[in-house]
C-alpha atoms as a PDB file:
ATOM      1  CA  MET A   1      36.489  19.453 -50.318  1.00  0.00           C
ATOM      2  CA  LYS A   2      39.693  21.370 -50.978  1.00  0.00           C
ATOM      3  CA  ILE A   3      42.754  20.560 -48.886  1.00  0.00           C
ATOM      4  CA  GLY A   4      45.486  23.170 -48.767  1.00  0.00           C
ATOM      5  CA  ILE A   5      49.014  21.882 -48.204  1.00  0.00           C
ATOM      6  CA  LEU A   6      51.571  24.179 -46.614  1.00  0.00           C
ATOM      7  CA  GLU A   7      54.893  22.828 -47.889  1.00  0.00           C
ATOM      8  CA  THR A   8      57.666  23.481 -45.375  1.00  0.00           C
ATOM      9  CA  GLY A   9      60.341  21.176 -46.767  1.00  0.00           C
ATOM     10  CA  LEU A  10      61.562  19.666 -50.023  1.00  0.00           C
ATOM     11  CA  VAL A  11      62.363  16.069 -50.888  1.00  0.00           C
ATOM     12  CA  PRO A  12      66.182  15.780 -51.250  1.00  0.00           C
ATOM     13  CA  GLU A  13      67.153  16.730 -54.788  1.00  0.00           C
ATOM     14  CA  GLU A  14      68.586  13.325 -55.633  1.00  0.00           C
ATOM     15  CA  LEU A  15      65.261  11.663 -54.743  1.00  0.00           C
ATOM     16  CA  ARG A  16      62.839  14.055 -56.478  1.00  0.00           C
ATOM     17  CA  ASP A  17      62.647  12.261 -59.825  1.00  0.00           C
ATOM     18  CA  GLU A  18      61.193   9.212 -58.096  1.00  0.00           C
ATOM     19  CA  PHE A  19      59.384  10.680 -55.075  1.00  0.00           C
ATOM     20  CA  LYS A  20      58.474  14.195 -56.266  1.00  0.00           C
ATOM     21  CA  SER A  21      57.365  16.089 -53.150  1.00  0.00           C
ATOM     22  CA  TYR A  22      55.794  15.800 -49.712  1.00  0.00           C
ATOM     23  CA  PRO A  23      52.505  17.327 -50.910  1.00  0.00           C
ATOM     24  CA  ASN A  24      52.414  14.644 -53.617  1.00  0.00           C
ATOM     25  CA  MET A  25      52.764  11.977 -50.896  1.00  0.00           C
ATOM     26  CA  PHE A  26      49.766  13.378 -49.036  1.00  0.00           C
ATOM     27  CA  GLU A  27      47.729  13.496 -52.227  1.00  0.00           C
ATOM     28  CA  THR A  28      48.664   9.870 -52.919  1.00  0.00           C
ATOM     29  CA  MET A  29      47.694   8.900 -49.367  1.00  0.00           C
ATOM     30  CA  LEU A  30      44.375  10.761 -49.133  1.00  0.00           C
ATOM     31  CA  GLY A  31      43.203  11.039 -52.733  1.00  0.00           C
ATOM     32  CA  PRO A  32      42.055   7.418 -53.184  1.00  0.00           C
ATOM     33  CA  LEU A  33      39.746   7.755 -50.166  1.00  0.00           C
ATOM     34  CA  ASP A  34      37.565  10.332 -51.919  1.00  0.00           C
ATOM     35  CA  PRO A  35      37.776  11.176 -55.641  1.00  0.00           C
ATOM     36  CA  LYS A  36      36.086  14.518 -54.946  1.00  0.00           C
ATOM     37  CA  LEU A  37      39.011  15.787 -52.902  1.00  0.00           C
ATOM     38  CA  THR A  38      41.075  18.547 -54.476  1.00  0.00           C
ATOM     39  CA  PHE A  39      44.486  19.769 -53.368  1.00  0.00           C
ATOM     40  CA  GLN A  40      46.527  22.945 -53.672  1.00  0.00           C
ATOM     41  CA  THR A  41      50.048  23.491 -52.413  1.00  0.00           C
ATOM     42  CA  TRP A  42      51.658  26.666 -51.131  1.00  0.00           C
ATOM     43  CA  THR A  43      55.439  26.357 -50.710  1.00  0.00           C
ATOM     44  CA  VAL A  44      55.745  28.493 -47.585  1.00  0.00           C
ATOM     45  CA  LEU A  45      59.417  27.491 -47.351  1.00  0.00           C
ATOM     46  CA  LEU A  46      59.924  29.753 -50.378  1.00  0.00           C
ATOM     47  CA  ASP A  47      57.625  32.423 -48.934  1.00  0.00           C
ATOM     48  CA  GLU A  48      54.632  31.375 -51.026  1.00  0.00           C
ATOM     49  CA  PHE A  49      51.580  31.814 -48.777  1.00  0.00           C
ATOM     50  CA  PRO A  50      47.821  31.596 -49.366  1.00  0.00           C
ATOM     51  CA  GLY A  51      45.989  34.873 -49.778  1.00  0.00           C
ATOM     52  CA  ASN A  52      43.807  34.080 -46.784  1.00  0.00           C
ATOM     53  CA  LEU A  53      43.078  31.244 -44.378  1.00  0.00           C
ATOM     54  CA  ASN A  54      39.864  30.354 -46.219  1.00  0.00           C
ATOM     55  CA  ALA A  55      41.690  29.555 -49.449  1.00  0.00           C
ATOM     56  CA  ALA A  56      41.103  25.891 -48.540  1.00  0.00           C
ATOM     57  CA  ASP A  57      38.521  23.985 -46.499  1.00  0.00           C
ATOM     58  CA  ALA A  58      41.236  22.355 -44.386  1.00  0.00           C
ATOM     59  CA  TRP A  59      45.012  22.518 -44.092  1.00  0.00           C
ATOM     60  CA  ILE A  60      47.975  20.153 -43.809  1.00  0.00           C
ATOM     61  CA  VAL A  61      51.441  21.321 -42.709  1.00  0.00           C
ATOM     62  CA  THR A  62      54.234  19.079 -44.021  1.00  0.00           C
ATOM     63  CA  GLY A  63      57.538  17.909 -42.638  1.00  0.00           C
ATOM     64  CA  SER A  64      60.863  19.662 -43.197  1.00  0.00           C
ATOM     65  CA  LYS A  65      64.579  19.251 -42.547  1.00  0.00           C
ATOM     66  CA  HIS A  66      64.510  22.603 -40.746  1.00  0.00           C
ATOM     67  CA  GLY A  67      64.132  23.256 -37.024  1.00  0.00           C
ATOM     68  CA  VAL A  68      61.396  25.505 -35.658  1.00  0.00           C
ATOM     69  CA  TYR A  69      63.969  27.177 -33.394  1.00  0.00           C
ATOM     70  CA  GLU A  70      65.813  28.527 -36.464  1.00  0.00           C
ATOM     71  CA  ASN A  71      63.149  31.266 -36.509  1.00  0.00           C
ATOM     72  CA  GLU A  72      63.486  31.970 -40.209  1.00  0.00           C
ATOM     73  CA  PRO A  73      61.166  34.747 -41.463  1.00  0.00           C
ATOM     74  CA  TRP A  74      58.936  32.256 -43.285  1.00  0.00           C
ATOM     75  CA  MET A  75      58.555  30.262 -40.064  1.00  0.00           C
ATOM     76  CA  ILE A  76      57.473  33.354 -38.136  1.00  0.00           C
ATOM     77  CA  ARG A  77      54.962  34.161 -40.859  1.00  0.00           C
ATOM     78  CA  LEU A  78      53.728  30.559 -40.858  1.00  0.00           C
ATOM     79  CA  GLN A  79      53.202  30.634 -37.090  1.00  0.00           C
ATOM     80  CA  ASP A  80      51.105  33.787 -37.480  1.00  0.00           C
ATOM     81  CA  LEU A  81      49.026  32.056 -40.159  1.00  0.00           C
ATOM     82  CA  LEU A  82      48.575  28.933 -38.013  1.00  0.00           C
ATOM     83  CA  ARG A  83      47.376  30.979 -35.054  1.00  0.00           C
ATOM     84  CA  ASP A  84      44.832  32.641 -37.333  1.00  0.00           C
ATOM     85  CA  ILE A  85      43.706  29.276 -38.746  1.00  0.00           C
ATOM     86  CA  VAL A  86      43.242  27.825 -35.262  1.00  0.00           C
ATOM     87  CA  ALA A  87      41.419  30.937 -34.011  1.00  0.00           C
ATOM     88  CA  ALA A  88      39.073  30.787 -37.009  1.00  0.00           C
ATOM     89  CA  LYS A  89      38.429  27.076 -36.331  1.00  0.00           C
ATOM     90  CA  VAL A  90      39.469  26.013 -39.821  1.00  0.00           C
ATOM     91  CA  PRO A  91      40.742  22.412 -39.637  1.00  0.00           C
ATOM     92  CA  VAL A  92      44.520  22.037 -39.682  1.00  0.00           C
ATOM     93  CA  PHE A  93      46.736  18.960 -39.269  1.00  0.00           C
ATOM     94  CA  GLY A  94      50.514  19.121 -38.805  1.00  0.00           C
ATOM     95  CA  VAL A  95      53.008  16.324 -39.524  1.00  0.00           C
ATOM     96  CA  CYS A  96      56.580  16.139 -38.142  1.00  0.00           C
ATOM     97  CA  PHE A  97      57.859  19.719 -38.604  1.00  0.00           C
ATOM     98  CA  GLY A  98      54.184  20.634 -38.985  1.00  0.00           C
ATOM     99  CA  HIS A  99      53.516  19.033 -35.597  1.00  0.00           C
ATOM    100  CA  GLN A 100      56.359  21.027 -34.087  1.00  0.00           C
ATOM    101  CA  ILE A 101      55.599  24.423 -35.595  1.00  0.00           C
ATOM    102  CA  LEU A 102      51.924  24.165 -34.697  1.00  0.00           C
ATOM    103  CA  ALA A 103      52.935  23.506 -31.091  1.00  0.00           C
ATOM    104  CA  ALA A 104      55.396  26.414 -31.154  1.00  0.00           C
ATOM    105  CA  ALA A 105      52.800  28.751 -32.664  1.00  0.00           C
ATOM    106  CA  LEU A 106      50.420  27.967 -29.811  1.00  0.00           C
ATOM    107  CA  GLY A 107      52.973  28.425 -27.024  1.00  0.00           C
ATOM    108  CA  GLY A 108      54.870  25.126 -26.836  1.00  0.00           C
ATOM    109  CA  LYS A 109      58.613  24.494 -26.976  1.00  0.00           C
ATOM    110  CA  VAL A 110      60.573  22.490 -29.535  1.00  0.00           C
ATOM    111  CA  VAL A 111      64.223  21.409 -29.185  1.00  0.00           C
ATOM    112  CA  LYS A 112      66.723  19.043 -30.747  1.00  0.00           C
ATOM    113  CA  SER A 113      66.017  16.129 -28.425  1.00  0.00           C
ATOM    114  CA  ASP A 114      68.579  14.447 -26.202  1.00  0.00           C
ATOM    115  CA  ASN A 115      66.947  11.199 -27.332  1.00  0.00           C
ATOM    116  CA  GLY A 116      68.683  11.576 -30.686  1.00  0.00           C
ATOM    117  CA  TRP A 117      67.345  10.345 -34.005  1.00  0.00           C
ATOM    118  CA  GLY A 118      63.922   8.741 -34.228  1.00  0.00           C
ATOM    119  CA  ILE A 119      63.943   6.945 -37.582  1.00  0.00           C
ATOM    120  CA  GLY A 120      62.475   3.823 -39.085  1.00  0.00           C
ATOM    121  CA  VAL A 121      59.235   2.232 -37.937  1.00  0.00           C
ATOM    122  CA  HIS A 122      58.112   3.398 -34.489  1.00  0.00           C
ATOM    123  CA  GLU A 123      55.192   2.181 -32.409  1.00  0.00           C
ATOM    124  CA  TYR A 124      52.837   4.618 -30.681  1.00  0.00           C
ATOM    125  CA  THR A 125      50.229   4.107 -27.977  1.00  0.00           C
ATOM    126  CA  THR A 126      46.926   5.927 -28.173  1.00  0.00           C
ATOM    127  CA  GLY A 127      46.113   7.775 -24.970  1.00  0.00           C
ATOM    128  CA  LYS A 128      43.102   7.620 -22.701  1.00  0.00           C
ATOM    129  CA  GLN A 129      42.054  10.947 -24.213  1.00  0.00           C
ATOM    130  CA  ALA A 130      42.016   9.554 -27.761  1.00  0.00           C
ATOM    131  CA  PRO A 131      39.775  11.814 -29.873  1.00  0.00           C
ATOM    132  CA  ALA A 132      36.503  10.588 -31.358  1.00  0.00           C
ATOM    133  CA  TRP A 133      37.782  10.849 -34.936  1.00  0.00           C
ATOM    134  CA  LEU A 134      40.074   7.871 -34.291  1.00  0.00           C
ATOM    135  CA  GLY A 135      36.966   5.702 -34.043  1.00  0.00           C
ATOM    136  CA  ASN A 136      37.658   2.226 -32.692  1.00  0.00           C
ATOM    137  CA  ALA A 137      41.388   2.761 -32.853  1.00  0.00           C
ATOM    138  CA  PRO A 138      43.768   0.004 -31.805  1.00  0.00           C
ATOM    139  CA  GLU A 139      45.719   0.616 -28.615  1.00  0.00           C
ATOM    140  CA  LYS A 140      48.925   0.774 -30.641  1.00  0.00           C
ATOM    141  CA  PHE A 141      49.836   1.740 -34.201  1.00  0.00           C
ATOM    142  CA  LYS A 142      53.049   1.939 -36.225  1.00  0.00           C
ATOM    143  CA  LEU A 143      54.310   4.608 -38.625  1.00  0.00           C
ATOM    144  CA  ASN A 144      57.584   5.610 -40.225  1.00  0.00           C
ATOM    145  CA  ALA A 145      59.468   8.353 -38.397  1.00  0.00           C
ATOM    146  CA  PHE A 146      62.403  10.576 -39.296  1.00  0.00           C
ATOM    147  CA  HIS A 147      63.260  13.299 -36.795  1.00  0.00           C
ATOM    148  CA  GLN A 148      65.610  14.628 -34.140  1.00  0.00           C
ATOM    149  CA  ASP A 149      63.523  17.529 -32.887  1.00  0.00           C
ATOM    150  CA  GLN A 150      60.649  17.030 -30.458  1.00  0.00           C
ATOM    151  CA  VAL A 151      57.981  19.037 -28.679  1.00  0.00           C
ATOM    152  CA  VAL A 152      59.136  19.119 -25.050  1.00  0.00           C
ATOM    153  CA  GLU A 153      56.718  21.642 -23.531  1.00  0.00           C
ATOM    154  CA  LEU A 154      53.023  21.580 -24.364  1.00  0.00           C
ATOM    155  CA  PRO A 155      50.932  24.599 -25.264  1.00  0.00           C
ATOM    156  CA  GLU A 156      48.166  25.375 -22.800  1.00  0.00           C
ATOM    157  CA  GLY A 157      45.167  23.131 -23.369  1.00  0.00           C
ATOM    158  CA  ALA A 158      46.978  20.627 -25.582  1.00  0.00           C
ATOM    159  CA  ILE A 159      45.794  17.020 -25.349  1.00  0.00           C
ATOM    160  CA  VAL A 160      48.281  14.189 -25.906  1.00  0.00           C
ATOM    161  CA  TRP A 161      46.500  11.470 -27.883  1.00  0.00           C
ATOM    162  CA  ALA A 162      49.461   9.269 -28.807  1.00  0.00           C
ATOM    163  CA  SER A 163      52.927   8.768 -27.364  1.00  0.00           C
ATOM    164  CA  SER A 164      55.933   6.484 -27.182  1.00  0.00           C
ATOM    165  CA  GLU A 165      58.801   6.060 -24.777  1.00  0.00           C
ATOM    166  CA  PHE A 166      61.064   7.760 -27.318  1.00  0.00           C
ATOM    167  CA  CYS A 167      58.599  10.573 -28.080  1.00  0.00           C
ATOM    168  CA  PRO A 168      56.199  11.323 -25.184  1.00  0.00           C
ATOM    169  CA  TYR A 169      54.325  14.084 -27.051  1.00  0.00           C
ATOM    170  CA  ALA A 170      54.009  12.244 -30.341  1.00  0.00           C
ATOM    171  CA  ALA A 171      50.478  13.404 -31.180  1.00  0.00           C
ATOM    172  CA  LEU A 172      48.565  16.443 -29.980  1.00  0.00           C
ATOM    173  CA  GLN A 173      45.174  18.070 -30.362  1.00  0.00           C
ATOM    174  CA  TYR A 174      44.040  21.613 -29.662  1.00  0.00           C
ATOM    175  CA  GLY A 175      40.307  22.108 -29.369  1.00  0.00           C
ATOM    176  CA  GLU A 176      38.151  20.629 -32.113  1.00  0.00           C
ATOM    177  CA  THR A 177      39.966  21.730 -35.260  1.00  0.00           C
ATOM    178  CA  ALA A 178      43.747  21.466 -34.811  1.00  0.00           C
ATOM    179  CA  ALA A 179      45.773  18.285 -34.418  1.00  0.00           C
ATOM    180  CA  SER A 180      49.200  16.929 -35.288  1.00  0.00           C
ATOM    181  CA  ILE A 181      51.565  13.979 -35.164  1.00  0.00           C
ATOM    182  CA  GLN A 182      55.364  13.607 -35.029  1.00  0.00           C
ATOM    183  CA  PRO A 183      55.913  10.581 -37.329  1.00  0.00           C
ATOM    184  CA  HIS A 184      55.141  10.487 -41.054  1.00  0.00           C
ATOM    185  CA  PRO A 185      51.946   8.674 -42.083  1.00  0.00           C
ATOM    186  CA  GLU A 186      52.648   9.752 -45.670  1.00  0.00           C
ATOM    187  CA  PHE A 187      56.038   7.968 -45.814  1.00  0.00           C
ATOM    188  CA  GLN A 188      55.882   4.528 -47.380  1.00  0.00           C
ATOM    189  CA  ARG A 189      58.724   2.019 -47.155  1.00  0.00           C
ATOM    190  CA  PRO A 190      60.383   2.904 -50.507  1.00  0.00           C
ATOM    191  CA  TYR A 191      60.814   6.559 -49.520  1.00  0.00           C
ATOM    192  CA  GLU A 192      61.868   5.861 -45.929  1.00  0.00           C
ATOM    193  CA  GLU A 193      64.443   3.400 -47.255  1.00  0.00           C
ATOM    194  CA  ALA A 194      65.721   5.853 -49.864  1.00  0.00           C
ATOM    195  CA  LEU A 195      65.919   8.644 -47.290  1.00  0.00           C
ATOM    196  CA  LEU A 196      67.888   6.427 -44.917  1.00  0.00           C
ATOM    197  CA  LYS A 197      70.400   5.730 -47.689  1.00  0.00           C
ATOM    198  CA  ALA A 198      70.593   9.406 -48.651  1.00  0.00           C
ATOM    199  CA  ARG A 199      71.209  10.447 -45.044  1.00  0.00           C
ATOM    200  CA  TYR A 200      73.617   7.607 -44.192  1.00  0.00           C
ATOM    201  CA  ALA A 201      76.561   9.920 -43.453  1.00  0.00           C
ATOM    202  CA  LEU A 202      74.513  11.928 -40.939  1.00  0.00           C
ATOM    203  CA  LEU A 203      73.340   8.987 -38.859  1.00  0.00           C
ATOM    204  CA  PRO A 204      75.083   6.887 -36.189  1.00  0.00           C
ATOM    205  CA  GLU A 205      75.756   3.404 -37.546  1.00  0.00           C
ATOM    206  CA  ASP A 206      73.744   1.619 -34.835  1.00  0.00           C
ATOM    207  CA  VAL A 207      70.751   3.929 -35.312  1.00  0.00           C
ATOM    208  CA  HIS A 208      70.868   3.479 -39.080  1.00  0.00           C
ATOM    209  CA  SER A 209      71.108  -0.320 -38.802  1.00  0.00           C
ATOM    210  CA  LYS A 210      68.213  -0.548 -36.338  1.00  0.00           C
ATOM    211  CA  ALA A 211      66.046   1.721 -38.475  1.00  0.00           C
ATOM    212  CA  THR A 212      66.807  -0.230 -41.641  1.00  0.00           C
ATOM    213  CA  ALA A 213      65.941  -3.514 -39.913  1.00  0.00           C
ATOM    214  CA  SER A 214      62.593  -2.081 -38.780  1.00  0.00           C
ATOM    215  CA  LEU A 215      61.395  -1.384 -42.315  1.00  0.00           C
ATOM    216  CA  GLY A 216      60.046  -4.905 -42.697  1.00  0.00           C
ATOM    217  CA  GLU A 217      57.370  -4.191 -40.091  1.00  0.00           C
ATOM    218  CA  THR A 218      53.837  -3.427 -41.218  1.00  0.00           C
ATOM    219  CA  ILE A 219      52.860   0.213 -40.833  1.00  0.00           C
ATOM    220  CA  ASP A 220      49.390   1.673 -40.341  1.00  0.00           C
ATOM    221  CA  SER A 221      49.499   4.501 -42.866  1.00  0.00           C
ATOM    222  CA  THR A 222      46.311   3.359 -44.636  1.00  0.00           C
ATOM    223  CA  LEU A 223      44.420   3.341 -41.360  1.00  0.00           C
ATOM    224  CA  PHE A 224      45.925   6.685 -40.431  1.00  0.00           C
ATOM    225  CA  ALA A 225      44.855   8.200 -43.748  1.00  0.00           C
ATOM    226  CA  LYS A 226      41.242   7.360 -42.865  1.00  0.00           C
ATOM    227  CA  TRP A 227      41.666   8.930 -39.413  1.00  0.00           C
ATOM    228  CA  MET A 228      43.214  12.043 -40.883  1.00  0.00           C
ATOM    229  CA  LEU A 229      40.509  12.537 -43.498  1.00  0.00           C
ATOM    230  CA  THR A 230      37.804  11.924 -40.891  1.00  0.00           C
ATOM    231  CA  PHE A 231      39.397  14.644 -38.771  1.00  0.00           C
ATOM    232  CA  LEU A 232      39.663  17.158 -41.607  1.00  0.00           C
ATOM    233  CA  ARG A 233      36.230  16.419 -43.010  1.00  0.00           C
ATOM    234  CA  GLY A 234      34.395  15.819 -39.734  1.00  0.00           C
ATOM    235  CA  LYS A 235      35.538  18.988 -38.028  1.00  0.00           C
ATOM    236  CA  ARG A 236      34.613  20.922 -41.153  1.00  0.00           C
ATOM    237  CA  ALA A 237      31.099  19.517 -40.814  1.00  0.00           C
ATOM    238  CA  VAL A 238      30.975  20.580 -37.171  1.00  0.00           C
ATOM    239  CA  LYS A 239      32.154  24.056 -38.164  1.00  0.00           C
ATOM    240  CA  ALA A 240      29.555  24.314 -40.919  1.00  0.00           C
ATOM    241  CA  ALA A 241      26.773  23.210 -38.571  1.00  0.00           C
END
């Protein structure tokens, strides 16, 4: 199975020697679950797009420092591609900015939230409409987050499958083959910690301190990786059938 990664943001330059890229983080997260998985990245941020939506069996859209509402040309082009992917029922999963731009592409609204920064370890509650690919999911799970923007208006037909008080629309699904989440399952503690230090000047002191203190909590990224791969692989099987 080939997973295409649409890279919408770059790791801060001062952190790249150690942490490389967001696509690399997804490969590190998902690769050990199946040695037959292959990956290819298209850096859409730099206007590098796949030739067609079937260039991969399934797609991941990464996080980014950018806001969907900036409406840069590459974002408009990406939204067109995402609408085509969803219409063709090719599996696609968005994370953070990917969560937001998928919602925007399908008719939702994204803004810089009045709730401010959501960083550090956050806890999310799975909804009553939790999709089957979550299996016997716990009622709550924890992941690293790093965002200001949020989806505030849902696209028609969107199902909320995880939420928090801070982020009500934290995870969404559209039909059988498109889903997304606001936090970062691919972020492990070393990167979240390094990013907090790199962004210190941008963050309110109390928010930074609380986020830093939360990093000792256990996150569920390994469990989430299994969910994510089940989604990408399982919906592909449904499509093929």
